[in-house]
Amino acid sequence: MSTRFDCNLCGNPQVLPIEREDLIAWSKSGLFVQDYFPHLSPNDREMIMTGTCGRCFDDLFPVSEV
């Protein structure tokens, strides 16, 4: 089963290979998202935590070339 998320900034839909029950269990677990969902990419985990897709996150926090 999968769960659909829409980016809070651009509205881009993403479907992640997790069930809604897993999200509820994670929110109650006290674990870091990377420990509970190690099979997901960092961009997918960001979507779960903040509702921001990878592209919008990169636009908000560009890598500086200092």
PDB file of N, CA and C in Angstrom:
ATOM      1  N   MET A   1       0.845  -1.178   0.000  1.00  0.00           N
ATOM      2  CA  MET A   1       0.000   0.000   0.000  1.00  0.00           C
ATOM      3  C   MET A   1       0.889   1.238   0.000  1.00  0.00           C
ATOM      4  N   SER A   2       0.353   2.342  -0.435  1.00  0.00           N
ATOM      5  CA  SER A   2       1.102   3.583  -0.543  1.00  0.00           C
ATOM      6  C   SER A   2       0.288   4.726   0.040  1.00  0.00           C
ATOM      7  N   THR A   3       0.996   5.813   0.335  1.00  0.00           N
ATOM      8  CA  THR A   3       0.345   7.015   0.841  1.00  0.00           C
ATOM      9  C   THR A   3       0.758   8.183  -0.033  1.00  0.00           C
ATOM     10  N   ARG A   4      -0.230   8.994  -0.399  1.00  0.00           N
ATOM     11  CA  ARG A   4       0.027  10.162  -1.241  1.00  0.00           C
ATOM     12  C   ARG A   4       0.238  11.399  -0.368  1.00  0.00           C
ATOM     13  N   PHE A   5       1.244  12.174  -0.746  1.00  0.00           N
ATOM     14  CA  PHE A   5       1.540  13.449  -0.112  1.00  0.00           C
ATOM     15  C   PHE A   5       1.575  14.514  -1.198  1.00  0.00           C
ATOM     16  N   ASP A   6       1.121  15.719  -0.893  1.00  0.00           N
ATOM     17  CA  ASP A   6       1.238  16.851  -1.797  1.00  0.00           C
ATOM     18  C   ASP A   6       2.154  17.874  -1.138  1.00  0.00           C
ATOM     19  N   CYS A   7       3.118  18.380  -1.883  1.00  0.00           N
ATOM     20  CA  CYS A   7       4.054  19.374  -1.365  1.00  0.00           C
ATOM     21  C   CYS A   7       3.273  20.611  -0.927  1.00  0.00           C
ATOM     22  N   ASN A   8       3.587  21.107   0.259  1.00  0.00           N
ATOM     23  CA  ASN A   8       2.927  22.301   0.785  1.00  0.00           C
ATOM     24  C   ASN A   8       3.264  23.550  -0.007  1.00  0.00           C
ATOM     25  N   LEU A   9       4.363  23.538  -0.750  1.00  0.00           N
ATOM     26  CA  LEU A   9       4.791  24.731  -1.473  1.00  0.00           C
ATOM     27  C   LEU A   9       4.357  24.728  -2.934  1.00  0.00           C
ATOM     28  N   CYS A  10       4.620  23.631  -3.642  1.00  0.00           N
ATOM     29  CA  CYS A  10       4.326  23.606  -5.074  1.00  0.00           C
ATOM     30  C   CYS A  10       3.126  22.744  -5.433  1.00  0.00           C
ATOM     31  N   GLY A  11       2.646  21.944  -4.491  1.00  0.00           N
ATOM     32  CA  GLY A  11       1.502  21.081  -4.746  1.00  0.00           C
ATOM     33  C   GLY A  11       1.837  19.796  -5.475  1.00  0.00           C
ATOM     34  N   ASN A  12       3.119  19.577  -5.767  1.00  0.00           N
ATOM     35  CA  ASN A  12       3.554  18.380  -6.472  1.00  0.00           C
ATOM     36  C   ASN A  12       3.176  17.127  -5.671  1.00  0.00           C
ATOM     37  N   PRO A  13       2.416  16.205  -6.270  1.00  0.00           N
ATOM     38  CA  PRO A  13       2.053  14.987  -5.548  1.00  0.00           C
ATOM     39  C   PRO A  13       3.192  13.965  -5.562  1.00  0.00           C
ATOM     40  N   GLN A  14       3.339  13.274  -4.452  1.00  0.00           N
ATOM     41  CA  GLN A  14       4.296  12.171  -4.343  1.00  0.00           C
ATOM     42  C   GLN A  14       3.596  11.006  -3.660  1.00  0.00           C
ATOM     43  N   VAL A  15       3.864   9.817  -4.140  1.00  0.00           N
ATOM     44  CA  VAL A  15       3.319   8.605  -3.533  1.00  0.00           C
ATOM     45  C   VAL A  15       4.482   7.846  -2.922  1.00  0.00           C
ATOM     46  N   LEU A  16       4.411   7.642  -1.617  1.00  0.00           N
ATOM     47  CA  LEU A  16       5.481   6.956  -0.898  1.00  0.00           C
ATOM     48  C   LEU A  16       5.021   5.552  -0.510  1.00  0.00           C
ATOM     49  N   PRO A  17       5.961   4.592  -0.513  1.00  0.00           N
ATOM     50  CA  PRO A  17       5.610   3.200  -0.225  1.00  0.00           C
ATOM     51  C   PRO A  17       5.481   2.918   1.271  1.00  0.00           C
ATOM     52  N   ILE A  18       4.592   3.657   1.926  1.00  0.00           N
ATOM     53  CA  ILE A  18       4.326   3.440   3.347  1.00  0.00           C
ATOM     54  C   ILE A  18       2.820   3.525   3.564  1.00  0.00           C
ATOM     55  N   GLU A  19       2.379   2.932   4.640  1.00  0.00           N
ATOM     56  CA  GLU A  19       0.958   2.961   4.955  1.00  0.00           C
ATOM     57  C   GLU A  19       0.675   4.029   6.003  1.00  0.00           C
ATOM     58  N   ARG A  20      -0.538   4.528   5.989  1.00  0.00           N
ATOM     59  CA  ARG A  20      -0.932   5.563   6.940  1.00  0.00           C
ATOM     60  C   ARG A  20      -0.701   5.104   8.380  1.00  0.00           C
ATOM     61  N   GLU A  21      -0.935   3.835   8.647  1.00  0.00           N
ATOM     62  CA  GLU A  21      -0.732   3.292   9.989  1.00  0.00           C
ATOM     63  C   GLU A  21       0.735   3.397  10.407  1.00  0.00           C
ATOM     64  N   ASP A  22       1.656   3.270   9.429  1.00  0.00           N
ATOM     65  CA  ASP A  22       3.085   3.421   9.727  1.00  0.00           C
ATOM     66  C   ASP A  22       3.405   4.854  10.155  1.00  0.00           C
ATOM     67  N   LEU A  23       2.742   5.829   9.528  1.00  0.00           N
ATOM     68  CA  LEU A  23       2.953   7.226   9.911  1.00  0.00           C
ATOM     69  C   LEU A  23       2.493   7.480  11.338  1.00  0.00           C
ATOM     70  N   ILE A  24       1.368   6.916  11.679  1.00  0.00           N
ATOM     71  CA  ILE A  24       0.845   7.080  13.032  1.00  0.00           C
ATOM     72  C   ILE A  24       1.776   6.412  14.036  1.00  0.00           C
ATOM     73  N   ALA A  25       2.219   5.199  13.724  1.00  0.00           N
ATOM     74  CA  ALA A  25       3.133   4.484  14.625  1.00  0.00           C
ATOM     75  C   ALA A  25       4.439   5.248  14.790  1.00  0.00           C
ATOM     76  N   TRP A  26       4.981   5.800  13.688  1.00  0.00           N
ATOM     77  CA  TRP A  26       6.219   6.576  13.777  1.00  0.00           C
ATOM     78  C   TRP A  26       6.024   7.808  14.663  1.00  0.00           C
ATOM     79  N   SER A  27       4.912   8.510  14.488  1.00  0.00           N
ATOM     80  CA  SER A  27       4.681   9.737  15.251  1.00  0.00           C
ATOM     81  C   SER A  27       4.598   9.474  16.752  1.00  0.00           C
ATOM     82  N   LYS A  28       4.225   8.270  17.130  1.00  0.00           N
ATOM     83  CA  LYS A  28       4.118   7.908  18.539  1.00  0.00           C
ATOM     84  C   LYS A  28       5.385   7.243  19.076  1.00  0.00           C
ATOM     85  N   SER A  29       6.295   6.866  18.163  1.00  0.00           N
ATOM     86  CA  SER A  29       7.453   6.062  18.563  1.00  0.00           C
ATOM     87  C   SER A  29       8.565   6.854  19.244  1.00  0.00           C
ATOM     88  N   GLY A  30       8.688   8.139  18.919  1.00  0.00           N
ATOM     89  CA  GLY A  30       9.802   8.923  19.449  1.00  0.00           C
ATOM     90  C   GLY A  30      11.099   8.709  18.690  1.00  0.00           C
ATOM     91  N   LEU A  31      11.053   7.925  17.615  1.00  0.00           N
ATOM     92  CA  LEU A  31      12.254   7.659  16.813  1.00  0.00           C
ATOM     93  C   LEU A  31      12.451   8.729  15.753  1.00  0.00           C
ATOM     94  N   PHE A  32      13.709   8.925  15.370  1.00  0.00           N
ATOM     95  CA  PHE A  32      14.002   9.794  14.237  1.00  0.00           C
ATOM     96  C   PHE A  32      13.438   9.146  12.983  1.00  0.00           C
ATOM     97  N   VAL A  33      12.992   9.993  12.049  1.00  0.00           N
ATOM     98  CA  VAL A  33      12.374   9.483  10.828  1.00  0.00           C
ATOM     99  C   VAL A  33      13.336   8.575  10.058  1.00  0.00           C
ATOM    100  N   GLN A  34      14.644   8.875  10.063  1.00  0.00           N
ATOM    101  CA  GLN A  34      15.603   8.047   9.336  1.00  0.00           C
ATOM    102  C   GLN A  34      15.792   6.681   9.992  1.00  0.00           C
ATOM    103  N   ASP A  35      15.522   6.587  11.290  1.00  0.00           N
ATOM    104  CA  ASP A  35      15.621   5.292  11.970  1.00  0.00           C
ATOM    105  C   ASP A  35      14.363   4.454  11.756  1.00  0.00           C
ATOM    106  N   TYR A  36      13.215   5.113  11.672  1.00  0.00           N
ATOM    107  CA  TYR A  36      11.962   4.387  11.484  1.00  0.00           C
ATOM    108  C   TYR A  36      11.737   3.998  10.028  1.00  0.00           C
ATOM    109  N   PHE A  37      12.183   4.852   9.106  1.00  0.00           N
ATOM    110  CA  PHE A  37      12.006   4.603   7.674  1.00  0.00           C
ATOM    111  C   PHE A  37      13.356   4.611   6.941  1.00  0.00           C
ATOM    112  N   PRO A  38      14.269   3.704   7.275  1.00  0.00           N
ATOM    113  CA  PRO A  38      15.598   3.740   6.640  1.00  0.00           C
ATOM    114  C   PRO A  38      15.558   3.421   5.144  1.00  0.00           C
ATOM    115  N   HIS A  39      14.488   2.787   4.694  1.00  0.00           N
ATOM    116  CA  HIS A  39      14.362   2.409   3.281  1.00  0.00           C
ATOM    117  C   HIS A  39      13.946   3.578   2.394  1.00  0.00           C
ATOM    118  N   LEU A  40      13.531   4.702   2.998  1.00  0.00           N
ATOM    119  CA  LEU A  40      13.117   5.866   2.217  1.00  0.00           C
ATOM    120  C   LEU A  40      14.299   6.795   1.963  1.00  0.00           C
ATOM    121  N   SER A  41      14.230   7.531   0.880  1.00  0.00           N
ATOM    122  CA  SER A  41      15.286   8.496   0.557  1.00  0.00           C
ATOM    123  C   SER A  41      15.171   9.714   1.479  1.00  0.00           C
ATOM    124  N   PRO A  42      16.239  10.488   1.592  1.00  0.00           N
ATOM    125  CA  PRO A  42      16.145  11.718   2.389  1.00  0.00           C
ATOM    126  C   PRO A  42      15.024  12.645   1.908  1.00  0.00           C
ATOM    127  N   ASN A  43      14.821  12.747   0.599  1.00  0.00           N
ATOM    128  CA  ASN A  43      13.737  13.580   0.086  1.00  0.00           C
ATOM    129  C   ASN A  43      12.366  13.063   0.511  1.00  0.00           C
ATOM    130  N   ASP A  44      12.196  11.748   0.493  1.00  0.00           N
ATOM    131  CA  ASP A  44      10.923  11.159   0.923  1.00  0.00           C
ATOM    132  C   ASP A  44      10.688  11.414   2.411  1.00  0.00           C
ATOM    133  N   ARG A  45      11.745  11.288   3.202  1.00  0.00           N
ATOM    134  CA  ARG A  45      11.609  11.530   4.645  1.00  0.00           C
ATOM    135  C   ARG A  45      11.300  13.000   4.933  1.00  0.00           C
ATOM    136  N   GLU A  46      11.874  13.910   4.143  1.00  0.00           N
ATOM    137  CA  GLU A  46      11.563  15.333   4.300  1.00  0.00           C
ATOM    138  C   GLU A  46      10.085  15.591   4.020  1.00  0.00           C
ATOM    139  N   MET A  47       9.562  14.925   3.018  1.00  0.00           N
ATOM    140  CA  MET A  47       8.148  15.069   2.693  1.00  0.00           C
ATOM    141  C   MET A  47       7.283  14.630   3.872  1.00  0.00           C
ATOM    142  N   ILE A  48       7.662  13.557   4.530  1.00  0.00           N
ATOM    143  CA  ILE A  48       6.915  13.077   5.689  1.00  0.00           C
ATOM    144  C   ILE A  48       6.988  14.088   6.830  1.00  0.00           C
ATOM    145  N   MET A  49       8.171  14.619   7.097  1.00  0.00           N
ATOM    146  CA  MET A  49       8.355  15.504   8.248  1.00  0.00           C
ATOM    147  C   MET A  49       7.767  16.895   8.042  1.00  0.00           C
ATOM    148  N   THR A  50       7.980  17.476   6.868  1.00  0.00           N
ATOM    149  CA  THR A  50       7.630  18.884   6.679  1.00  0.00           C
ATOM    150  C   THR A  50       6.624  19.139   5.567  1.00  0.00           C
ATOM    151  N   GLY A  51       6.353  18.127   4.756  1.00  0.00           N
ATOM    152  CA  GLY A  51       5.454  18.330   3.627  1.00  0.00           C
ATOM    153  C   GLY A  51       6.098  19.089   2.486  1.00  0.00           C
ATOM    154  N   THR A  52       7.420  19.101   2.441  1.00  0.00           N
ATOM    155  CA  THR A  52       8.166  19.806   1.401  1.00  0.00           C
ATOM    156  C   THR A  52       8.865  18.803   0.503  1.00  0.00           C
ATOM    157  N   CYS A  53       8.648  18.922  -0.803  1.00  0.00           N
ATOM    158  CA  CYS A  53       9.308  18.002  -1.738  1.00  0.00           C
ATOM    159  C   CYS A  53      10.790  18.374  -1.859  1.00  0.00           C
ATOM    160  N   GLY A  54      11.567  17.479  -2.405  1.00  0.00           N
ATOM    161  CA  GLY A  54      13.011  17.681  -2.528  1.00  0.00           C
ATOM    162  C   GLY A  54      13.376  18.922  -3.332  1.00  0.00           C
ATOM    163  N   ARG A  55      12.681  19.160  -4.428  1.00  0.00           N
ATOM    164  CA  ARG A  55      12.983  20.321  -5.270  1.00  0.00           C
ATOM    165  C   ARG A  55      12.733  21.629  -4.521  1.00  0.00           C
ATOM    166  N   CYS A  56      11.614  21.725  -3.832  1.00  0.00           N
ATOM    167  CA  CYS A  56      11.307  22.940  -3.071  1.00  0.00           C
ATOM    168  C   CYS A  56      12.276  23.110  -1.902  1.00  0.00           C
ATOM    169  N   PHE A  57      12.654  22.020  -1.257  1.00  0.00           N
ATOM    170  CA  PHE A  57      13.619  22.097  -0.165  1.00  0.00           C
ATOM    171  C   PHE A  57      14.945  22.648  -0.682  1.00  0.00           C
ATOM    172  N   ASP A  58      15.393  22.149  -1.832  1.00  0.00           N
ATOM    173  CA  ASP A  58      16.641  22.635  -2.420  1.00  0.00           C
ATOM    174  C   ASP A  58      16.547  24.109  -2.803  1.00  0.00           C
ATOM    175  N   ASP A  59      15.374  24.548  -3.260  1.00  0.00           N
ATOM    176  CA  ASP A  59      15.172  25.960  -3.589  1.00  0.00           C
ATOM    177  C   ASP A  59      15.214  26.828  -2.323  1.00  0.00           C
ATOM    178  N   LEU A  60      14.640  26.309  -1.237  1.00  0.00           N
ATOM    179  CA  LEU A  60      14.630  27.058   0.024  1.00  0.00           C
ATOM    180  C   LEU A  60      16.007  27.132   0.657  1.00  0.00           C
ATOM    181  N   PHE A  61      16.789  26.049   0.534  1.00  0.00           N
ATOM    182  CA  PHE A  61      18.089  25.950   1.204  1.00  0.00           C
ATOM    183  C   PHE A  61      19.155  25.540   0.184  1.00  0.00           C
ATOM    184  N   PRO A  62      19.517  26.445  -0.729  1.00  0.00           N
ATOM    185  CA  PRO A  62      20.526  26.104  -1.735  1.00  0.00           C
ATOM    186  C   PRO A  62      21.892  25.870  -1.088  1.00  0.00           C
ATOM    187  N   VAL A  63      22.652  25.029  -1.733  1.00  0.00           N
ATOM    188  CA  VAL A  63      24.013  24.749  -1.269  1.00  0.00           C
ATOM    189  C   VAL A  63      24.874  25.952  -1.639  1.00  0.00           C
ATOM    190  N   SER A  64      25.489  26.530  -0.625  1.00  0.00           N
ATOM    191  CA  SER A  64      26.342  27.702  -0.906  1.00  0.00           C
ATOM    192  C   SER A  64      27.735  27.243  -1.317  1.00  0.00           C
ATOM    193  N   GLU A  65      28.326  28.004  -2.170  1.00  0.00           N
ATOM    194  CA  GLU A  65      29.678  27.704  -2.627  1.00  0.00           C
ATOM    195  C   GLU A  65      30.628  28.711  -2.003  1.00  0.00           C
ATOM    196  N   VAL A  66      30.909  28.531  -0.731  1.00  0.00           N
ATOM    197  CA  VAL A  66      31.757  29.460   0.014  1.00  0.00           C
ATOM    198  C   VAL A  66      33.205  29.245  -0.303  1.00  0.00           C
TER     199      VAL A  66
END
